[in-house]
Protein backbone atom coordinates (compact mmCIF):
# COMPACT_ATOMS: atom_id res chain seq x y z
CA MET A 1 23.52 -7.16 6.94
CA GLY A 2 24.15 -7.81 3.25
CA ASN A 3 21.61 -6.70 0.69
CA SER A 4 20.78 -10.17 -0.62
CA ASN A 5 17.31 -10.66 -2.09
CA ILE A 6 15.82 -7.82 -0.07
CA ALA A 7 13.73 -5.51 -2.23
CA PRO A 8 10.53 -3.46 -2.05
CA PHE A 9 7.43 -5.68 -1.96
CA VAL A 10 5.25 -2.97 -3.53
CA LYS A 11 5.68 -0.35 -6.22
CA TRP A 12 4.99 3.14 -4.91
CA ALA A 13 4.39 6.48 -6.58
CA GLY A 14 7.51 8.61 -6.34
CA GLY A 15 9.66 5.61 -5.44
CA LYS A 16 13.39 6.27 -5.43
CA ARG A 17 14.82 3.21 -7.23
CA GLN A 18 16.12 5.27 -10.15
CA LEU A 19 17.82 7.76 -7.80
CA LEU A 20 19.53 5.22 -5.55
CA SER A 21 23.03 5.82 -6.93
CA GLN A 22 22.58 9.60 -6.60
CA ILE A 23 21.32 9.20 -3.03
CA LYS A 24 24.07 6.79 -1.99
CA GLU A 25 26.88 9.01 -3.26
CA ARG A 26 25.51 11.89 -1.16
CA MET A 27 25.09 9.88 2.05
CA PRO A 28 27.03 10.91 5.14
CA LYS A 29 30.02 8.60 5.59
CA LYS A 30 29.03 7.82 9.17
CA TYR A 31 25.80 8.30 11.10
CA ASN A 32 24.07 6.82 14.12
CA ASP A 33 20.35 6.02 13.86
CA TYR A 34 18.43 6.05 10.56
CA TYR A 35 15.02 7.72 10.15
CA GLU A 36 12.70 7.57 7.15
CA PRO A 37 9.40 9.36 7.92
CA PHE A 38 7.89 8.73 4.45
CA VAL A 39 8.95 5.15 3.76
CA GLY A 40 6.58 4.36 0.86
CA GLY A 41 7.83 1.27 -0.97
CA GLY A 42 11.10 1.33 0.96
CA ALA A 43 13.52 1.44 -1.99
CA VAL A 44 16.10 3.40 0.00
CA ILE A 45 16.04 1.52 3.31
CA PHE A 46 16.04 -1.85 1.53
CA GLU A 47 19.11 -0.74 -0.44
CA LEU A 48 21.00 0.64 2.57
CA LEU A 49 19.81 -1.86 5.22
CA PRO A 50 20.83 0.45 8.08
CA THR A 51 20.93 -0.78 11.66
CA ASN A 52 18.98 1.12 14.34
CA ALA A 53 16.39 2.22 11.77
CA LEU A 54 12.93 3.76 12.14
CA ILE A 55 10.41 3.91 9.31
CA ASN A 56 7.04 5.63 9.18
CA ASP A 57 4.19 6.36 6.81
CA ILE A 58 0.72 7.83 7.21
CA ASN A 59 -0.83 5.20 4.93
CA ARG A 60 -2.30 2.69 7.39
CA ALA A 61 -2.72 -0.13 4.87
CA LEU A 62 0.91 0.20 3.78
CA ILE A 63 2.23 0.11 7.34
CA ASN A 64 -0.04 -2.84 8.11
CA ALA A 65 1.70 -4.72 5.27
CA TYR A 66 5.14 -3.88 6.70
CA ARG A 67 4.10 -5.08 10.14
CA ILE A 68 2.50 -8.29 8.88
CA ILE A 69 5.56 -9.15 6.76
CA CYS A 70 7.75 -8.43 9.78
CA ASN A 71 5.74 -10.46 12.30
CA GLU A 72 3.81 -13.07 10.29
CA PRO A 73 5.75 -13.69 7.06
CA GLN A 74 4.65 -17.28 6.52
CA GLN A 75 0.95 -16.52 6.99
CA PHE A 76 1.33 -13.55 4.63
CA ILE A 77 3.03 -15.68 1.96
CA GLU A 78 0.31 -18.33 2.15
CA ALA A 79 -2.43 -15.69 1.88
CA VAL A 80 -0.85 -14.10 -1.21
CA LYS A 81 -0.18 -17.48 -2.85
CA ASN A 82 -3.84 -18.34 -2.30
CA LEU A 83 -4.89 -15.16 -4.10
CA ASP A 84 -2.52 -15.88 -6.99
CA GLU A 85 -3.49 -19.54 -7.37
CA ASN A 86 -7.22 -18.88 -7.28
CA MET A 87 -7.13 -16.29 -10.07
CA TRP A 88 -10.07 -16.91 -12.41
CA GLU A 89 -9.91 -17.32 -16.17
CA ASP A 90 -11.24 -13.78 -16.40
CA GLY A 91 -8.38 -11.86 -14.75
CA LYS A 92 -10.15 -8.52 -14.96
CA LEU A 93 -13.26 -9.79 -13.22
CA TYR A 94 -11.13 -11.48 -10.56
CA TYR A 95 -9.08 -8.33 -9.94
CA TYR A 96 -12.21 -6.23 -9.40
CA SER A 97 -13.63 -8.84 -7.01
CA ILE A 98 -10.37 -8.69 -5.02
CA ARG A 99 -10.40 -4.89 -5.08
CA GLU A 100 -13.96 -4.94 -3.74
CA ARG A 101 -12.91 -7.32 -0.95
CA TYR A 102 -9.98 -5.04 -0.11
CA ASN A 103 -12.19 -1.95 0.06
CA ASP A 104 -14.72 -3.80 2.20
CA LYS A 105 -12.00 -4.59 4.73
CA LEU A 106 -10.76 -0.98 4.61
CA MET A 107 -14.25 0.25 5.45
CA LYS A 108 -14.40 -2.19 8.37
CA GLU A 109 -10.84 -1.24 9.43
CA GLU A 110 -9.74 -4.89 9.38
CA TYR A 111 -5.98 -4.42 9.32
CA ASP A 112 -4.79 -8.02 9.35
CA VAL A 113 -2.91 -10.66 7.34
CA GLU A 114 -5.63 -10.88 4.71
CA LEU A 115 -5.67 -7.12 4.15
CA ALA A 116 -1.87 -7.11 3.76
CA ALA A 117 -2.11 -9.90 1.17
CA LEU A 118 -4.91 -8.12 -0.70
CA PHE A 119 -2.90 -4.87 -0.56
CA VAL A 120 0.15 -6.45 -2.19
CA PHE A 121 -1.92 -8.40 -4.74
CA ILE A 122 -3.75 -5.32 -6.01
CA ASN A 123 -0.50 -3.33 -6.05
CA LYS A 124 1.02 -5.92 -8.41
CA HIS A 125 -2.09 -6.13 -10.59
CA CYS A 126 -3.25 -2.51 -10.78
CA PHE A 127 -2.33 0.08 -13.40
CA ASN A 128 1.26 1.37 -12.90
CA GLY A 129 1.35 0.03 -9.33
CA LEU A 130 -0.34 3.28 -8.37
CA TYR A 131 -1.99 3.58 -4.94
CA ARG A 132 -4.90 5.97 -5.26
CA VAL A 133 -8.13 6.29 -3.32
CA ASN A 134 -11.33 8.22 -3.95
CA GLY A 135 -13.07 10.71 -1.67
CA ARG A 136 -14.46 7.87 0.43
CA GLY A 137 -11.01 6.44 0.96
CA LEU A 138 -11.61 3.46 -1.33
CA PHE A 139 -8.95 2.11 -3.69
CA ASN A 140 -10.03 2.77 -7.29
CA VAL A 141 -7.12 1.99 -9.64
CA PRO A 142 -8.04 -0.24 -12.64
CA TYR A 143 -6.56 -3.62 -13.64
CA ASN A 144 -3.24 -3.82 -15.52
CA ASN A 145 -3.99 -7.12 -17.32
CA SER A 146 -1.17 -8.88 -15.45
CA ARG A 147 -1.37 -12.41 -14.09
CA ARG A 148 2.12 -12.48 -12.61
CA ILE A 149 2.99 -13.87 -9.19
CA SER A 150 2.62 -11.23 -6.50
CA VAL A 151 5.58 -12.01 -4.23
CA ASP A 152 8.85 -13.91 -4.14
CA GLU A 153 8.84 -16.13 -1.05
CA ALA A 154 12.60 -15.93 -0.39
CA THR A 155 12.52 -12.15 -0.64
CA ILE A 156 9.67 -11.88 1.86
CA ILE A 157 11.43 -14.14 4.37
CA LYS A 158 14.68 -12.14 4.17
CA THR A 159 12.78 -8.86 4.29
CA SER A 160 10.93 -10.08 7.38
CA LYS A 161 14.19 -10.91 9.14
CA TYR A 162 15.54 -7.44 8.43
CA LEU A 163 12.34 -5.66 9.52
CA LYS A 164 12.45 -7.39 12.91
CA GLY A 165 15.24 -4.97 13.82
CA VAL A 166 13.38 -1.90 12.51
CA THR A 167 10.95 0.34 14.41
CA ILE A 168 7.77 0.61 12.29
CA LEU A 169 5.47 3.56 12.95
CA GLU A 170 2.24 4.78 11.38
CA GLY A 171 1.46 8.47 11.63
CA ASP A 172 2.63 12.03 11.11
CA PHE A 173 6.15 12.68 9.83
CA GLN A 174 6.91 15.20 12.57
CA GLU A 175 6.03 12.74 15.33
CA ALA A 176 8.18 10.07 13.65
CA CYS A 177 11.24 12.33 13.90
CA LYS A 178 10.71 13.57 17.45
CA ASN A 179 13.61 11.54 18.88
CA ALA A 180 16.10 12.21 16.06
CA LYS A 181 19.31 13.61 17.53
CA LYS A 182 22.80 14.78 16.62
CA ASN A 183 24.56 12.58 14.03
CA ASP A 184 21.39 10.63 13.16
CA PHE A 185 20.51 10.49 9.45
CA VAL A 186 17.01 11.45 8.27
CA PHE A 187 16.06 10.62 4.69
CA ILE A 188 12.94 12.53 3.64
CA ASP A 189 11.02 11.45 0.54
CA SER A 190 7.79 13.36 1.05
CA PRO A 191 4.86 13.55 -1.39
CA TYR A 192 5.84 15.65 -4.37
CA ALA A 193 5.14 19.34 -4.63
CA PRO A 194 2.92 19.77 -7.71
CA LEU A 195 4.59 20.79 -10.95
CA ASN A 196 1.61 23.07 -11.48
CA PRO A 197 1.42 25.29 -8.37
CA ALA A 198 -2.30 25.84 -8.95
CA SER A 199 -3.08 22.22 -8.11
CA PHE A 200 -2.16 20.11 -5.10
CA GLU A 201 -2.74 16.44 -5.87
CA SER A 202 -2.07 13.54 -3.55
CA TYR A 203 -1.90 9.76 -3.65
CA THR A 204 -3.41 9.50 -0.16
CA LYS A 205 -6.79 10.62 1.04
CA GLU A 206 -5.09 12.42 3.95
CA GLY A 207 -3.48 14.79 1.44
CA PHE A 208 -0.21 16.69 1.64
CA ASP A 209 -1.10 20.32 1.13
CA LEU A 210 0.86 23.55 0.99
CA GLU A 211 0.88 23.87 4.77
CA SER A 212 2.27 20.33 5.05
CA HIS A 213 5.19 21.30 2.80
CA LYS A 214 5.82 24.40 4.91
CA ARG A 215 5.67 22.35 8.11
CA LEU A 216 8.12 19.84 6.64
CA ALA A 217 10.54 22.64 5.74
CA ARG A 218 10.36 23.87 9.35
CA LEU A 219 11.10 20.33 10.54
CA PHE A 220 14.10 20.15 8.19
CA ASP A 221 15.42 23.37 9.76
CA ASP A 222 14.75 22.02 13.25
CA LEU A 223 16.53 18.73 12.52
CA THR A 224 19.46 20.74 11.19
CA ASP A 225 19.58 22.71 14.44
CA ARG A 226 19.61 19.40 16.35
CA GLY A 227 22.71 18.32 14.42
CA CYS A 228 21.01 15.64 12.31
CA TYR A 229 22.21 14.80 8.82
CA CYS A 230 19.19 15.38 6.55
CA MET A 231 18.57 14.58 2.89
CA LEU A 232 15.31 15.49 1.14
CA THR A 233 14.15 14.79 -2.41
CA ASN A 234 11.34 16.46 -4.34
CA HIS A 235 10.40 17.99 -7.67
CA ASN A 236 12.58 20.93 -8.64
CA THR A 237 9.82 23.53 -8.34
CA ASP A 238 9.66 27.19 -7.33
CA LEU A 239 7.94 26.18 -4.08
CA ILE A 240 10.70 23.76 -3.04
CA ASN A 241 13.40 26.28 -3.94
CA GLU A 242 11.54 28.94 -1.96
CA LEU A 243 11.24 26.68 1.11
CA TYR A 244 14.82 25.37 1.15
CA GLY A 245 16.89 27.87 -0.84
CA ASN A 246 19.10 30.60 0.62
CA LYS A 247 19.67 28.65 3.83
CA GLY A 248 23.10 27.25 3.05
CA TYR A 249 21.77 23.82 2.13
CA ARG A 250 23.33 21.85 -0.71
CA MET A 251 20.76 21.63 -3.53
CA ASP A 252 21.61 19.34 -6.46
CA VAL A 253 19.29 19.15 -9.48
CA VAL A 254 19.11 15.72 -11.16
CA ASN A 255 17.23 14.45 -14.22
CA VAL A 256 14.60 11.74 -13.73
CA LYS A 257 12.09 9.72 -15.73
CA ARG A 258 8.44 10.05 -14.75
CA MET A 259 6.62 6.92 -15.87
CA ILE A 260 3.27 7.84 -14.34
CA ASN A 261 2.53 10.74 -16.70
CA SER A 262 0.16 9.61 -19.47
CA ASP A 263 1.81 12.06 -21.87
CA ALA A 264 5.07 10.40 -22.99
CA SER A 265 6.58 13.80 -23.83
CA LYS A 266 6.32 14.78 -20.16
CA ARG A 267 7.99 11.67 -18.76
CA THR A 268 11.29 13.40 -18.09
CA GLY A 269 11.83 16.02 -15.47
CA GLU A 270 14.03 17.40 -12.74
CA GLU A 271 14.24 16.55 -9.08
CA VAL A 272 16.31 18.22 -6.41
CA ILE A 273 18.30 16.47 -3.71
CA ILE A 274 18.72 18.74 -0.71
CA CYS A 275 21.31 18.03 2.00
CA ASN A 276 22.04 20.06 5.13
CA TYR A 277 25.69 18.95 5.04
CA HIS A 278 28.40 19.34 2.41
CA GLY A 279 30.65 16.42 3.25
CA THR A 280 31.17 14.23 6.29
């Protein structure tokens, strides 16, 4: 399937758009099934458009949006257009009313077309497209002063057609990879290890703590033993080097821009791309 007008429908923290060329040049030449246990905004899968693909994320609202776009694209488009067209003169006031409606539905666990539309609307109109929740699990990112249209209809329709051939799961990364086998490709874009090892921050209320990183490293080793091609990206930190170094894996350090940091002087950094193969 050609990559024509298919693109992420949300911006996501740690998204891999700027690393796509680096990722693509390190891909195995041939592989069978495709697995992405931390799909986020989907920059990689929507660039590659693999067949026989499985995506997963633990964020229930995000996966609800994927499923709604897959199964009910027209209803989703109409719901988002309604949100855009009804925007009040006071954009800030309107955004906070929409955010309140979104949080109300989260509390009631109403994972439906409306929630998917609200999810995408607030993603396009919140500061830095950042998904962040408070201790109660409520979305709390402020308005970005934008009044732009939230979705492109043609993109959603083409994305929907592609997703109909994709298995969409919501849950733990280890469970998502349980059926991965020899010659399958697993792309792993997990939550970042903190640059400051004294603090573990997360963009989801479920968290991704030190033990989660250790468990992921064990899964990477297990997938390697199964004969899977694995690629993992993360910050180039001591922890990541400790977990994946000295095992014969290829570890390439690349420079990246970090737009989320409020300090402009800290908006550049290093990431590492780890592969369990050296050429296929």
